[in-house]
N, C-alpha and C. Protein backbone atom coordinates (compact mmCIF):
# COMPACT_ATOMS: atom_id res chain seq x y z
N MET A 1 13.15 -16.42 8.34
CA MET A 1 12.13 -15.37 8.43
C MET A 1 11.49 -15.37 9.82
N TYR A 2 11.22 -16.58 10.36
CA TYR A 2 10.61 -16.67 11.68
C TYR A 2 11.51 -16.06 12.75
N LEU A 3 12.81 -16.37 12.67
CA LEU A 3 13.74 -15.85 13.68
C LEU A 3 13.86 -14.34 13.60
N ARG A 4 13.88 -13.79 12.37
CA ARG A 4 13.95 -12.34 12.22
C ARG A 4 12.69 -11.69 12.78
N GLY A 5 11.54 -12.34 12.51
CA GLY A 5 10.29 -11.81 13.03
C GLY A 5 10.24 -11.85 14.53
N LEU A 6 10.75 -12.94 15.13
CA LEU A 6 10.78 -13.05 16.58
C LEU A 6 11.69 -11.99 17.19
N ALA A 7 12.84 -11.78 16.54
CA ALA A 7 13.78 -10.77 17.03
C ALA A 7 13.14 -9.39 17.00
N LEU A 8 12.40 -9.10 15.94
CA LEU A 8 11.75 -7.80 15.84
C LEU A 8 10.70 -7.64 16.93
N SER A 9 9.92 -8.69 17.17
CA SER A 9 8.90 -8.64 18.20
C SER A 9 9.51 -8.38 19.57
N LEU A 10 10.61 -9.08 19.87
CA LEU A 10 11.28 -8.90 21.15
C LEU A 10 11.89 -7.51 21.28
N SER A 11 12.26 -6.92 20.13
CA SER A 11 12.89 -5.60 20.18
C SER A 11 11.97 -4.53 20.74
N ARG A 12 10.67 -4.77 20.71
CA ARG A 12 9.72 -3.80 21.26
C ARG A 12 9.89 -3.64 22.77
N PHE A 13 10.46 -4.66 23.41
CA PHE A 13 10.65 -4.59 24.85
C PHE A 13 11.98 -3.94 25.22
N THR A 14 12.90 -3.87 24.28
CA THR A 14 14.21 -3.31 24.56
C THR A 14 14.43 -1.96 23.91
N ALA A 15 13.74 -1.72 22.78
CA ALA A 15 13.91 -0.45 22.06
C ALA A 15 12.57 -0.04 21.46
N PRO A 16 11.66 0.50 22.28
CA PRO A 16 10.35 0.87 21.78
C PRO A 16 10.44 1.80 20.59
N PRO A 17 9.64 1.59 19.55
CA PRO A 17 9.71 2.43 18.36
C PRO A 17 9.21 3.84 18.63
N GLU A 18 9.61 4.76 17.78
CA GLU A 18 9.09 6.12 17.86
C GLU A 18 7.58 6.10 17.64
N LYS A 19 6.88 7.07 18.21
CA LYS A 19 5.43 7.13 18.07
C LYS A 19 5.00 7.89 16.83
N LEU A 20 5.89 8.74 16.30
CA LEU A 20 5.55 9.60 15.18
C LEU A 20 6.53 9.44 14.03
N PHE A 21 6.03 9.67 12.80
CA PHE A 21 6.90 9.72 11.64
C PHE A 21 6.45 10.85 10.73
N ARG A 22 7.33 11.24 9.81
CA ARG A 22 7.04 12.34 8.90
C ARG A 22 6.97 11.83 7.46
N PHE A 23 5.97 12.32 6.74
CA PHE A 23 5.87 12.03 5.32
C PHE A 23 5.24 13.23 4.62
N GLU A 24 5.89 13.69 3.56
CA GLU A 24 5.39 14.85 2.81
C GLU A 24 5.12 16.05 3.73
N GLN A 25 6.06 16.30 4.64
CA GLN A 25 6.00 17.44 5.55
C GLN A 25 4.80 17.39 6.50
N LYS A 26 4.23 16.20 6.67
CA LYS A 26 3.15 16.01 7.64
C LYS A 26 3.60 14.99 8.68
N THR A 27 3.06 15.12 9.88
CA THR A 27 3.39 14.22 10.96
C THR A 27 2.24 13.23 11.18
N TYR A 28 2.59 11.96 11.30
CA TYR A 28 1.62 10.88 11.49
C TYR A 28 1.98 10.07 12.73
N ASN A 29 0.97 9.48 13.35
CA ASN A 29 1.19 8.48 14.37
C ASN A 29 1.43 7.14 13.70
N TYR A 30 2.46 6.42 14.11
CA TYR A 30 2.60 5.04 13.65
C TYR A 30 1.33 4.28 14.01
N PHE A 31 0.94 3.34 13.14
CA PHE A 31 -0.32 2.63 13.36
C PHE A 31 -0.05 1.23 13.90
N SER A 32 -0.29 1.04 15.18
CA SER A 32 -0.05 -0.24 15.83
C SER A 32 -1.37 -0.96 16.07
N HIS A 33 -1.48 -2.18 15.56
CA HIS A 33 -2.73 -2.94 15.67
C HIS A 33 -2.40 -4.43 15.65
N SER A 34 -3.18 -5.22 16.38
CA SER A 34 -2.90 -6.65 16.46
C SER A 34 -3.18 -7.39 15.15
N TYR A 35 -4.11 -6.87 14.33
CA TYR A 35 -4.40 -7.54 13.07
C TYR A 35 -3.21 -7.39 12.13
N ASN A 36 -2.64 -8.50 11.71
CA ASN A 36 -1.45 -8.53 10.86
C ASN A 36 -0.24 -7.88 11.53
N LEU A 37 -0.30 -7.72 12.87
CA LEU A 37 0.87 -7.26 13.63
C LEU A 37 1.54 -6.06 12.95
N THR A 38 0.80 -4.98 12.81
CA THR A 38 1.29 -3.85 12.01
C THR A 38 2.62 -3.29 12.50
N TRP A 39 2.91 -3.41 13.79
CA TRP A 39 4.16 -2.84 14.32
C TRP A 39 5.39 -3.58 13.82
N MET A 40 5.19 -4.71 13.11
CA MET A 40 6.31 -5.49 12.63
C MET A 40 6.60 -5.28 11.14
N ASN A 41 5.77 -4.52 10.44
CA ASN A 41 5.91 -4.46 8.99
C ASN A 41 5.50 -3.09 8.44
N GLU A 42 5.40 -3.01 7.12
CA GLU A 42 5.12 -1.74 6.46
C GLU A 42 3.73 -1.18 6.75
N ARG A 43 2.83 -2.01 7.26
CA ARG A 43 1.50 -1.52 7.64
C ARG A 43 1.61 -0.41 8.70
N TYR A 44 2.70 -0.41 9.42
CA TYR A 44 2.93 0.57 10.49
C TYR A 44 2.84 2.00 9.98
N VAL A 45 3.27 2.21 8.73
CA VAL A 45 3.21 3.55 8.14
C VAL A 45 2.12 3.67 7.08
N GLU A 46 1.96 2.66 6.25
CA GLU A 46 1.04 2.82 5.12
C GLU A 46 -0.43 2.85 5.57
N VAL A 47 -0.79 2.12 6.61
CA VAL A 47 -2.16 2.20 7.11
C VAL A 47 -2.41 3.57 7.73
N ALA A 48 -1.42 4.10 8.43
CA ALA A 48 -1.56 5.44 9.01
C ALA A 48 -1.84 6.48 7.93
N ILE A 49 -1.10 6.40 6.82
CA ILE A 49 -1.29 7.35 5.72
C ILE A 49 -2.65 7.13 5.06
N GLY A 50 -2.98 5.87 4.79
CA GLY A 50 -4.24 5.56 4.12
C GLY A 50 -5.46 6.00 4.91
N LEU A 51 -5.50 5.70 6.19
CA LEU A 51 -6.64 6.09 7.03
C LEU A 51 -6.77 7.61 7.13
N LYS A 52 -5.63 8.30 7.22
CA LYS A 52 -5.67 9.76 7.31
C LYS A 52 -6.26 10.35 6.04
N GLU A 53 -5.91 9.80 4.90
CA GLU A 53 -6.44 10.28 3.62
C GLU A 53 -7.95 10.03 3.52
N MET A 54 -8.42 8.93 4.09
CA MET A 54 -9.84 8.59 4.00
C MET A 54 -10.70 9.45 4.91
N GLU A 55 -10.12 9.97 5.98
CA GLU A 55 -10.88 10.73 6.97
C GLU A 55 -11.61 11.92 6.36
N ARG A 56 -11.00 12.54 5.37
CA ARG A 56 -11.56 13.78 4.84
C ARG A 56 -12.42 13.55 3.59
N ARG A 57 -12.80 12.29 3.34
CA ARG A 57 -13.55 11.98 2.13
C ARG A 57 -14.85 11.25 2.44
N ASP A 58 -15.81 11.38 1.56
CA ASP A 58 -17.11 10.72 1.67
C ASP A 58 -16.93 9.22 1.38
N PRO A 59 -17.25 8.33 2.33
CA PRO A 59 -17.05 6.90 2.11
C PRO A 59 -17.73 6.36 0.85
N SER A 60 -18.86 6.97 0.47
CA SER A 60 -19.57 6.49 -0.72
C SER A 60 -18.79 6.77 -2.01
N GLN A 61 -17.76 7.62 -1.91
CA GLN A 61 -16.96 7.98 -3.08
C GLN A 61 -15.58 7.31 -3.06
N ILE A 62 -15.41 6.33 -2.18
CA ILE A 62 -14.11 5.69 -2.01
C ILE A 62 -14.15 4.24 -2.50
N LEU A 63 -13.12 3.87 -3.25
CA LEU A 63 -12.90 2.48 -3.67
C LEU A 63 -11.57 2.01 -3.09
N GLU A 64 -11.59 0.88 -2.40
CA GLU A 64 -10.35 0.26 -1.93
C GLU A 64 -10.11 -1.02 -2.72
N VAL A 65 -8.89 -1.18 -3.20
CA VAL A 65 -8.51 -2.36 -3.99
C VAL A 65 -7.58 -3.21 -3.13
N GLY A 66 -8.06 -4.40 -2.76
CA GLY A 66 -7.37 -5.22 -1.78
C GLY A 66 -7.90 -4.87 -0.40
N ASN A 67 -8.48 -5.82 0.29
CA ASN A 67 -9.15 -5.51 1.55
C ASN A 67 -8.15 -5.38 2.69
N VAL A 68 -7.73 -4.15 2.94
CA VAL A 68 -6.77 -3.87 4.01
C VAL A 68 -7.37 -2.92 5.04
N LEU A 69 -7.72 -1.71 4.63
CA LEU A 69 -8.11 -0.67 5.57
C LEU A 69 -9.40 -0.98 6.31
N SER A 70 -10.32 -1.71 5.69
CA SER A 70 -11.58 -1.99 6.37
C SER A 70 -11.38 -2.84 7.62
N HIS A 71 -10.25 -3.56 7.70
CA HIS A 71 -9.95 -4.34 8.90
C HIS A 71 -9.64 -3.45 10.10
N TYR A 72 -9.33 -2.19 9.83
CA TYR A 72 -8.94 -1.27 10.90
C TYR A 72 -9.97 -0.17 11.13
N GLN A 73 -11.14 -0.32 10.54
CA GLN A 73 -12.21 0.67 10.68
C GLN A 73 -13.46 -0.02 11.20
N ALA A 74 -14.09 0.57 12.19
CA ALA A 74 -15.37 0.05 12.67
C ALA A 74 -16.46 0.47 11.69
N ASN A 75 -17.23 -0.50 11.22
CA ASN A 75 -18.35 -0.22 10.31
C ASN A 75 -17.91 0.53 9.06
N ALA A 76 -16.87 0.04 8.42
CA ALA A 76 -16.39 0.67 7.19
C ALA A 76 -17.49 0.70 6.13
N GLN A 77 -17.63 1.83 5.47
CA GLN A 77 -18.73 2.02 4.51
C GLN A 77 -18.27 2.14 3.07
N HIS A 78 -16.98 2.18 2.82
CA HIS A 78 -16.51 2.36 1.45
C HIS A 78 -16.57 1.05 0.66
N THR A 79 -16.46 1.15 -0.65
CA THR A 79 -16.48 -0.02 -1.53
C THR A 79 -15.12 -0.71 -1.51
N VAL A 80 -15.14 -2.03 -1.38
CA VAL A 80 -13.90 -2.81 -1.34
C VAL A 80 -13.99 -3.94 -2.35
N ILE A 81 -12.95 -4.07 -3.19
CA ILE A 81 -12.87 -5.22 -4.08
C ILE A 81 -11.60 -6.00 -3.74
N ASP A 82 -11.73 -7.32 -3.76
CA ASP A 82 -10.60 -8.20 -3.45
C ASP A 82 -10.88 -9.53 -4.13
N LYS A 83 -10.00 -9.94 -5.01
CA LYS A 83 -10.23 -11.15 -5.81
C LYS A 83 -10.28 -12.40 -4.96
N TYR A 84 -9.52 -12.44 -3.88
CA TYR A 84 -9.32 -13.69 -3.17
C TYR A 84 -9.94 -13.78 -1.77
N GLU A 85 -10.25 -12.68 -1.13
CA GLU A 85 -10.79 -12.76 0.23
C GLU A 85 -12.26 -13.14 0.20
N LYS A 86 -12.55 -14.37 0.55
CA LYS A 86 -13.91 -14.90 0.50
C LYS A 86 -14.59 -14.80 1.86
N GLY A 87 -15.91 -14.90 1.86
CA GLY A 87 -16.67 -14.96 3.10
C GLY A 87 -16.89 -13.63 3.78
N ASN A 88 -16.60 -12.54 3.11
CA ASN A 88 -16.82 -11.21 3.69
C ASN A 88 -17.86 -10.49 2.85
N SER A 89 -19.02 -10.26 3.43
CA SER A 89 -20.14 -9.67 2.68
C SER A 89 -19.87 -8.24 2.24
N ASN A 90 -18.89 -7.59 2.85
CA ASN A 90 -18.57 -6.20 2.49
C ASN A 90 -17.54 -6.11 1.36
N VAL A 91 -17.08 -7.27 0.89
CA VAL A 91 -16.05 -7.30 -0.14
C VAL A 91 -16.61 -7.92 -1.42
N THR A 92 -16.39 -7.25 -2.55
CA THR A 92 -16.78 -7.80 -3.84
C THR A 92 -15.59 -8.56 -4.42
N ASN A 93 -15.80 -9.84 -4.72
CA ASN A 93 -14.73 -10.67 -5.26
C ASN A 93 -14.66 -10.51 -6.77
N VAL A 94 -13.68 -9.76 -7.23
CA VAL A 94 -13.50 -9.50 -8.65
C VAL A 94 -12.04 -9.18 -8.90
N ASP A 95 -11.54 -9.57 -10.06
CA ASP A 95 -10.19 -9.18 -10.49
C ASP A 95 -10.22 -7.68 -10.78
N ALA A 96 -9.32 -6.92 -10.17
CA ALA A 96 -9.34 -5.46 -10.32
C ALA A 96 -9.20 -5.03 -11.78
N LEU A 97 -8.48 -5.82 -12.59
CA LEU A 97 -8.32 -5.46 -13.99
C LEU A 97 -9.63 -5.60 -14.76
N GLU A 98 -10.53 -6.41 -14.25
CA GLU A 98 -11.81 -6.64 -14.92
C GLU A 98 -12.96 -5.87 -14.27
N PHE A 99 -12.65 -5.05 -13.28
CA PHE A 99 -13.68 -4.32 -12.55
C PHE A 99 -14.25 -3.20 -13.40
N ARG A 100 -15.56 -3.24 -13.64
CA ARG A 100 -16.25 -2.24 -14.44
C ARG A 100 -17.47 -1.77 -13.66
N PRO A 101 -17.30 -0.81 -12.76
CA PRO A 101 -18.41 -0.41 -11.87
C PRO A 101 -19.46 0.48 -12.51
N GLY A 102 -19.17 1.05 -13.66
CA GLY A 102 -20.12 1.95 -14.30
C GLY A 102 -20.23 3.28 -13.59
N ARG A 103 -19.20 3.66 -12.86
CA ARG A 103 -19.18 4.94 -12.16
C ARG A 103 -17.73 5.34 -11.91
N LYS A 104 -17.55 6.57 -11.41
CA LYS A 104 -16.22 7.08 -11.06
C LYS A 104 -16.12 7.25 -9.55
N TYR A 105 -14.88 7.34 -9.06
CA TYR A 105 -14.64 7.50 -7.63
C TYR A 105 -13.77 8.73 -7.36
N ASP A 106 -14.04 9.40 -6.24
CA ASP A 106 -13.24 10.55 -5.85
C ASP A 106 -11.91 10.13 -5.21
N PHE A 107 -11.89 8.91 -4.66
CA PHE A 107 -10.66 8.43 -4.03
C PHE A 107 -10.56 6.92 -4.20
N ILE A 108 -9.42 6.47 -4.73
CA ILE A 108 -9.11 5.06 -4.85
C ILE A 108 -7.84 4.81 -4.06
N VAL A 109 -7.85 3.77 -3.24
CA VAL A 109 -6.70 3.48 -2.39
C VAL A 109 -6.37 2.00 -2.44
N SER A 110 -5.08 1.69 -2.43
CA SER A 110 -4.64 0.29 -2.44
C SER A 110 -3.29 0.20 -1.73
N LEU A 111 -3.23 -0.60 -0.68
CA LEU A 111 -2.02 -0.71 0.12
C LEU A 111 -1.37 -2.09 -0.04
N SER A 112 -0.14 -2.09 -0.52
CA SER A 112 0.64 -3.33 -0.68
C SER A 112 -0.20 -4.47 -1.23
N THR A 113 -0.78 -4.22 -2.38
CA THR A 113 -1.63 -5.21 -3.05
C THR A 113 -1.15 -5.50 -4.47
N PHE A 114 -0.75 -4.46 -5.22
CA PHE A 114 -0.43 -4.64 -6.63
C PHE A 114 0.79 -5.53 -6.87
N GLU A 115 1.67 -5.66 -5.87
CA GLU A 115 2.83 -6.52 -6.05
C GLU A 115 2.44 -7.99 -6.19
N HIS A 116 1.23 -8.33 -5.76
CA HIS A 116 0.76 -9.72 -5.87
C HIS A 116 0.05 -9.99 -7.20
N VAL A 117 -0.47 -8.92 -7.81
CA VAL A 117 -1.26 -9.06 -9.04
C VAL A 117 -0.39 -9.55 -10.19
N GLY A 118 -0.73 -10.69 -10.73
CA GLY A 118 0.01 -11.25 -11.84
C GLY A 118 1.34 -11.87 -11.45
N TRP A 119 1.79 -11.66 -10.23
CA TRP A 119 3.08 -12.16 -9.77
C TRP A 119 2.92 -13.39 -8.88
N ASP A 120 1.95 -13.32 -7.98
CA ASP A 120 1.66 -14.46 -7.10
C ASP A 120 0.44 -15.23 -7.60
N GLU A 121 0.14 -15.09 -8.88
CA GLU A 121 -0.98 -15.79 -9.50
C GLU A 121 -0.45 -16.73 -10.57
N MET A 122 -1.27 -17.70 -10.90
CA MET A 122 -0.93 -18.62 -11.99
C MET A 122 -2.01 -18.53 -13.05
N PRO A 123 -1.63 -18.39 -14.34
CA PRO A 123 -0.25 -18.28 -14.79
C PRO A 123 0.35 -16.91 -14.42
N LYS A 124 1.64 -16.87 -14.24
CA LYS A 124 2.32 -15.63 -13.87
C LYS A 124 2.27 -14.66 -15.05
N GLU A 125 1.92 -13.42 -14.77
CA GLU A 125 1.83 -12.37 -15.79
C GLU A 125 2.42 -11.09 -15.21
N PRO A 126 3.73 -10.92 -15.27
CA PRO A 126 4.40 -9.79 -14.60
C PRO A 126 3.86 -8.42 -14.99
N GLY A 127 3.43 -8.25 -16.22
CA GLY A 127 2.96 -6.94 -16.66
C GLY A 127 1.55 -6.60 -16.22
N LYS A 128 0.84 -7.54 -15.60
CA LYS A 128 -0.55 -7.32 -15.23
C LYS A 128 -0.70 -6.26 -14.15
N SER A 129 0.26 -6.16 -13.26
CA SER A 129 0.16 -5.19 -12.16
C SER A 129 0.04 -3.77 -12.70
N TRP A 130 0.93 -3.40 -13.63
CA TRP A 130 0.88 -2.04 -14.18
C TRP A 130 -0.38 -1.83 -15.00
N LYS A 131 -0.82 -2.84 -15.74
CA LYS A 131 -2.07 -2.75 -16.49
C LYS A 131 -3.23 -2.46 -15.54
N THR A 132 -3.21 -3.09 -14.37
CA THR A 132 -4.28 -2.90 -13.40
C THR A 132 -4.25 -1.49 -12.83
N ILE A 133 -3.08 -0.98 -12.53
CA ILE A 133 -2.96 0.39 -12.04
C ILE A 133 -3.49 1.38 -13.08
N LYS A 134 -3.12 1.17 -14.34
CA LYS A 134 -3.61 2.04 -15.42
C LYS A 134 -5.14 1.98 -15.52
N HIS A 135 -5.68 0.77 -15.47
CA HIS A 135 -7.15 0.63 -15.57
C HIS A 135 -7.85 1.35 -14.43
N LEU A 136 -7.37 1.16 -13.21
CA LEU A 136 -8.01 1.80 -12.07
C LEU A 136 -7.94 3.31 -12.14
N SER A 137 -6.87 3.84 -12.71
CA SER A 137 -6.76 5.30 -12.84
C SER A 137 -7.86 5.87 -13.74
N SER A 138 -8.39 5.03 -14.62
CA SER A 138 -9.48 5.48 -15.51
C SER A 138 -10.81 5.59 -14.77
N LEU A 139 -10.86 5.11 -13.53
CA LEU A 139 -12.10 5.16 -12.74
C LEU A 139 -12.16 6.38 -11.84
N LEU A 140 -11.16 7.29 -11.96
CA LEU A 140 -11.15 8.50 -11.15
C LEU A 140 -12.13 9.54 -11.68
N SER A 141 -12.80 10.23 -10.76
CA SER A 141 -13.62 11.37 -11.14
C SER A 141 -12.70 12.52 -11.53
N GLY A 142 -13.28 13.59 -12.01
CA GLY A 142 -12.47 14.72 -12.47
C GLY A 142 -11.57 15.30 -11.42
N SER A 143 -12.01 15.26 -10.16
CA SER A 143 -11.21 15.79 -9.06
C SER A 143 -10.65 14.67 -8.17
N GLY A 144 -10.67 13.44 -8.70
CA GLY A 144 -10.30 12.29 -7.89
C GLY A 144 -8.81 12.09 -7.72
N GLU A 145 -8.45 11.23 -6.76
CA GLU A 145 -7.06 10.89 -6.50
C GLU A 145 -6.95 9.40 -6.22
N PHE A 146 -5.87 8.81 -6.68
CA PHE A 146 -5.59 7.38 -6.54
C PHE A 146 -4.27 7.26 -5.77
N LEU A 147 -4.34 6.71 -4.56
CA LEU A 147 -3.17 6.54 -3.71
C LEU A 147 -2.86 5.05 -3.58
N PHE A 148 -1.61 4.67 -3.82
CA PHE A 148 -1.24 3.27 -3.64
C PHE A 148 0.18 3.14 -3.12
N THR A 149 0.43 2.02 -2.44
CA THR A 149 1.77 1.70 -1.96
C THR A 149 2.20 0.35 -2.51
N ILE A 150 3.51 0.21 -2.73
CA ILE A 150 4.09 -1.01 -3.27
C ILE A 150 5.40 -1.27 -2.53
N PRO A 151 5.62 -2.46 -1.98
CA PRO A 151 6.90 -2.75 -1.36
C PRO A 151 8.00 -2.92 -2.40
N SER A 152 9.11 -2.25 -2.20
CA SER A 152 10.24 -2.36 -3.13
C SER A 152 10.88 -3.74 -3.02
N GLY A 153 11.26 -4.29 -4.18
CA GLY A 153 12.02 -5.53 -4.20
C GLY A 153 11.22 -6.80 -4.23
N TYR A 154 9.90 -6.71 -4.19
CA TYR A 154 9.07 -7.92 -4.18
C TYR A 154 8.74 -8.37 -5.60
N HIS A 155 8.38 -7.43 -6.45
CA HIS A 155 7.93 -7.71 -7.82
C HIS A 155 8.83 -6.90 -8.76
N PRO A 156 9.90 -7.49 -9.29
CA PRO A 156 10.90 -6.74 -10.08
C PRO A 156 10.31 -5.99 -11.27
N GLN A 157 9.38 -6.60 -11.99
CA GLN A 157 8.82 -5.92 -13.16
C GLN A 157 7.99 -4.71 -12.75
N LEU A 158 7.23 -4.82 -11.68
CA LEU A 158 6.45 -3.69 -11.21
C LEU A 158 7.36 -2.57 -10.72
N ASP A 159 8.45 -2.92 -10.05
CA ASP A 159 9.42 -1.91 -9.65
C ASP A 159 9.92 -1.13 -10.87
N LYS A 160 10.23 -1.83 -11.94
CA LYS A 160 10.70 -1.19 -13.17
C LYS A 160 9.62 -0.28 -13.73
N ASP A 161 8.38 -0.74 -13.72
CA ASP A 161 7.28 0.04 -14.29
C ASP A 161 7.05 1.33 -13.52
N VAL A 162 7.07 1.27 -12.19
CA VAL A 162 6.81 2.51 -11.44
C VAL A 162 7.95 3.50 -11.59
N HIS A 163 9.17 3.01 -11.75
CA HIS A 163 10.29 3.93 -11.99
C HIS A 163 10.20 4.52 -13.39
N LEU A 164 9.81 3.73 -14.36
CA LEU A 164 9.67 4.22 -15.73
C LEU A 164 8.63 5.32 -15.82
N HIS A 165 7.57 5.21 -15.04
CA HIS A 165 6.46 6.16 -15.11
C HIS A 165 6.38 7.05 -13.87
N GLN A 166 7.50 7.21 -13.15
CA GLN A 166 7.42 7.85 -11.85
C GLN A 166 6.97 9.31 -11.90
N ALA A 167 7.22 10.00 -12.99
CA ALA A 167 6.78 11.39 -13.09
C ALA A 167 5.26 11.50 -13.09
N GLN A 168 4.57 10.45 -13.54
CA GLN A 168 3.11 10.45 -13.58
C GLN A 168 2.50 10.04 -12.25
N LEU A 169 3.33 9.57 -11.34
CA LEU A 169 2.82 9.02 -10.08
C LEU A 169 2.97 9.99 -8.93
N GLY A 170 2.64 11.24 -9.17
CA GLY A 170 2.51 12.19 -8.10
C GLY A 170 3.47 13.36 -7.98
N PRO A 171 4.79 13.25 -8.24
CA PRO A 171 5.59 12.13 -8.72
C PRO A 171 5.76 11.05 -7.64
N LEU A 172 6.40 9.98 -8.01
CA LEU A 172 6.59 8.84 -7.11
C LEU A 172 7.35 9.25 -5.85
N ARG A 173 6.83 8.84 -4.68
CA ARG A 173 7.52 9.03 -3.41
C ARG A 173 7.93 7.67 -2.86
N ALA A 174 8.70 7.70 -1.77
CA ALA A 174 9.13 6.44 -1.15
C ALA A 174 9.46 6.66 0.32
N MET A 175 9.41 5.56 1.07
CA MET A 175 9.86 5.55 2.46
C MET A 175 10.71 4.31 2.66
N ARG A 176 11.64 4.39 3.61
CA ARG A 176 12.48 3.24 3.90
C ARG A 176 12.52 2.98 5.40
N ARG A 177 12.73 1.75 5.71
CA ARG A 177 12.81 1.33 7.11
C ARG A 177 14.24 1.53 7.61
N ILE A 178 14.37 2.01 8.85
CA ILE A 178 15.70 2.37 9.34
C ILE A 178 16.11 1.66 10.61
N SER A 179 15.24 0.80 11.16
CA SER A 179 15.61 0.16 12.43
C SER A 179 14.86 -1.15 12.63
N ALA A 180 15.41 -1.99 13.52
CA ALA A 180 14.73 -3.23 13.90
C ALA A 180 13.44 -2.95 14.64
N ALA A 181 13.34 -1.78 15.25
CA ALA A 181 12.12 -1.37 15.95
C ALA A 181 11.07 -0.82 14.99
N ASN A 182 11.35 -0.93 13.69
CA ASN A 182 10.40 -0.57 12.63
C ASN A 182 10.18 0.94 12.50
N GLY A 183 11.26 1.70 12.63
CA GLY A 183 11.19 3.13 12.34
C GLY A 183 11.31 3.36 10.84
N TRP A 184 10.65 4.42 10.34
CA TRP A 184 10.63 4.71 8.90
C TRP A 184 10.90 6.19 8.67
N ILE A 185 11.55 6.49 7.52
CA ILE A 185 11.74 7.87 7.08
C ILE A 185 11.47 7.95 5.58
N GLN A 186 11.16 9.15 5.11
CA GLN A 186 10.96 9.34 3.68
C GLN A 186 12.32 9.32 2.98
N CYS A 187 12.35 8.77 1.77
CA CYS A 187 13.58 8.70 0.99
C CYS A 187 13.23 8.87 -0.48
N SER A 188 14.23 8.87 -1.34
CA SER A 188 13.98 8.98 -2.78
C SER A 188 13.61 7.60 -3.34
N PRO A 189 12.87 7.55 -4.45
CA PRO A 189 12.58 6.26 -5.09
C PRO A 189 13.86 5.52 -5.49
N GLU A 190 14.89 6.29 -5.85
CA GLU A 190 16.16 5.67 -6.25
C GLU A 190 16.81 4.95 -5.07
N GLU A 191 16.72 5.55 -3.88
CA GLU A 191 17.26 4.89 -2.69
C GLU A 191 16.44 3.66 -2.34
N ALA A 192 15.12 3.77 -2.46
CA ALA A 192 14.25 2.62 -2.17
C ALA A 192 14.57 1.44 -3.07
N ALA A 193 14.95 1.73 -4.31
CA ALA A 193 15.24 0.67 -5.28
C ALA A 193 16.46 -0.15 -4.91
N THR A 194 17.33 0.38 -4.05
CA THR A 194 18.54 -0.34 -3.66
C THR A 194 18.30 -1.30 -2.50
N LEU A 195 17.11 -1.23 -1.90
CA LEU A 195 16.82 -2.03 -0.71
C LEU A 195 16.07 -3.30 -1.08
N LYS A 196 16.37 -4.37 -0.39
CA LYS A 196 15.79 -5.67 -0.68
C LYS A 196 14.55 -5.92 0.17
N PHE A 197 13.68 -6.77 -0.32
CA PHE A 197 12.52 -7.19 0.46
C PHE A 197 12.98 -8.29 1.43
N GLY A 198 12.72 -8.09 2.72
CA GLY A 198 13.07 -9.10 3.72
C GLY A 198 14.46 -9.00 4.29
N LYS A 199 15.29 -8.06 3.79
CA LYS A 199 16.66 -7.90 4.30
C LYS A 199 17.02 -6.42 4.34
N PRO A 200 17.64 -5.96 5.42
CA PRO A 200 18.07 -6.70 6.61
C PRO A 200 16.96 -6.95 7.61
N TYR A 201 15.79 -6.30 7.40
CA TYR A 201 14.68 -6.46 8.33
C TYR A 201 13.58 -7.29 7.67
N PRO A 202 12.72 -7.91 8.45
CA PRO A 202 11.62 -8.70 7.88
C PRO A 202 10.67 -7.83 7.06
N PHE A 203 10.02 -8.46 6.09
CA PHE A 203 9.00 -7.81 5.27
C PHE A 203 9.63 -6.68 4.44
N ALA A 204 8.84 -5.65 4.11
CA ALA A 204 9.36 -4.58 3.24
C ALA A 204 10.39 -3.73 3.97
N ASN A 205 11.48 -3.42 3.27
CA ASN A 205 12.47 -2.49 3.80
C ASN A 205 12.32 -1.11 3.17
N ALA A 206 11.45 -1.01 2.16
CA ALA A 206 11.11 0.27 1.54
C ALA A 206 9.77 0.11 0.83
N ILE A 207 9.04 1.19 0.72
CA ILE A 207 7.79 1.18 -0.04
C ILE A 207 7.77 2.38 -0.98
N TYR A 208 7.16 2.17 -2.15
CA TYR A 208 6.88 3.27 -3.07
C TYR A 208 5.47 3.76 -2.78
N ILE A 209 5.26 5.07 -2.93
CA ILE A 209 3.94 5.67 -2.70
C ILE A 209 3.59 6.51 -3.92
N GLY A 210 2.55 6.08 -4.63
CA GLY A 210 2.11 6.79 -5.82
C GLY A 210 0.82 7.54 -5.58
N ARG A 211 0.70 8.71 -6.21
CA ARG A 211 -0.54 9.50 -6.16
C ARG A 211 -0.89 9.91 -7.59
N VAL A 212 -2.00 9.40 -8.05
CA VAL A 212 -2.42 9.64 -9.43
C VAL A 212 -3.68 10.49 -9.42
N SER A 213 -3.74 11.52 -10.26
CA SER A 213 -4.92 12.39 -10.28
C SER A 213 -5.59 12.45 -11.65
N SER A 214 -5.11 11.62 -12.58
CA SER A 214 -5.72 11.56 -13.91
C SER A 214 -5.39 10.21 -14.54
N PRO A 215 -6.14 9.80 -15.54
CA PRO A 215 -5.87 8.49 -16.18
C PRO A 215 -4.45 8.39 -16.72
N LEU A 216 -3.82 7.26 -16.50
CA LEU A 216 -2.44 7.04 -16.97
C LEU A 216 -2.43 6.61 -18.43
């Protein structure tokens, strides 16, 4: 993994990545940032999409699950929950499945977080990820939207769940990585399912993108 990561980093000097990508007939700037080295992984596209979606919404009406986007925003004002990130006064430490805020949100966003829920925890509970997604969808306001990304091939049970329910997820969209320089294009969920996590490129080689507008 280290050698693949080093090769990708060096590739920036020999084959600079494209500056723009397309998703859902919209053009985005790839998001390059030193925090978590976004130019080397799926953050390159998913943070760009997530931040663009947040721009047009009232921060007081936004819930982020898994503390990702606030690292790339100066003075982020939206609500963030993260079970494990300690020492950050802007983050509420709570299991997302147990989160009961007593209110609804116009926008809920979560980037490459649900693949860890129940999968990288002990005891392992593979079905917890989908339960958490369903629970969070119940926190949407009447006009709300829930946007999330999941790397393909990391959590097999979650991959199965999103394909089983893909018609309810916007429908389900996907993107795949196409180069060592971390270029991405939109693809079908079925194509994303054929790609492995960590091969041939480091980190995610495809991501699923779900958009939910009502309780699942």
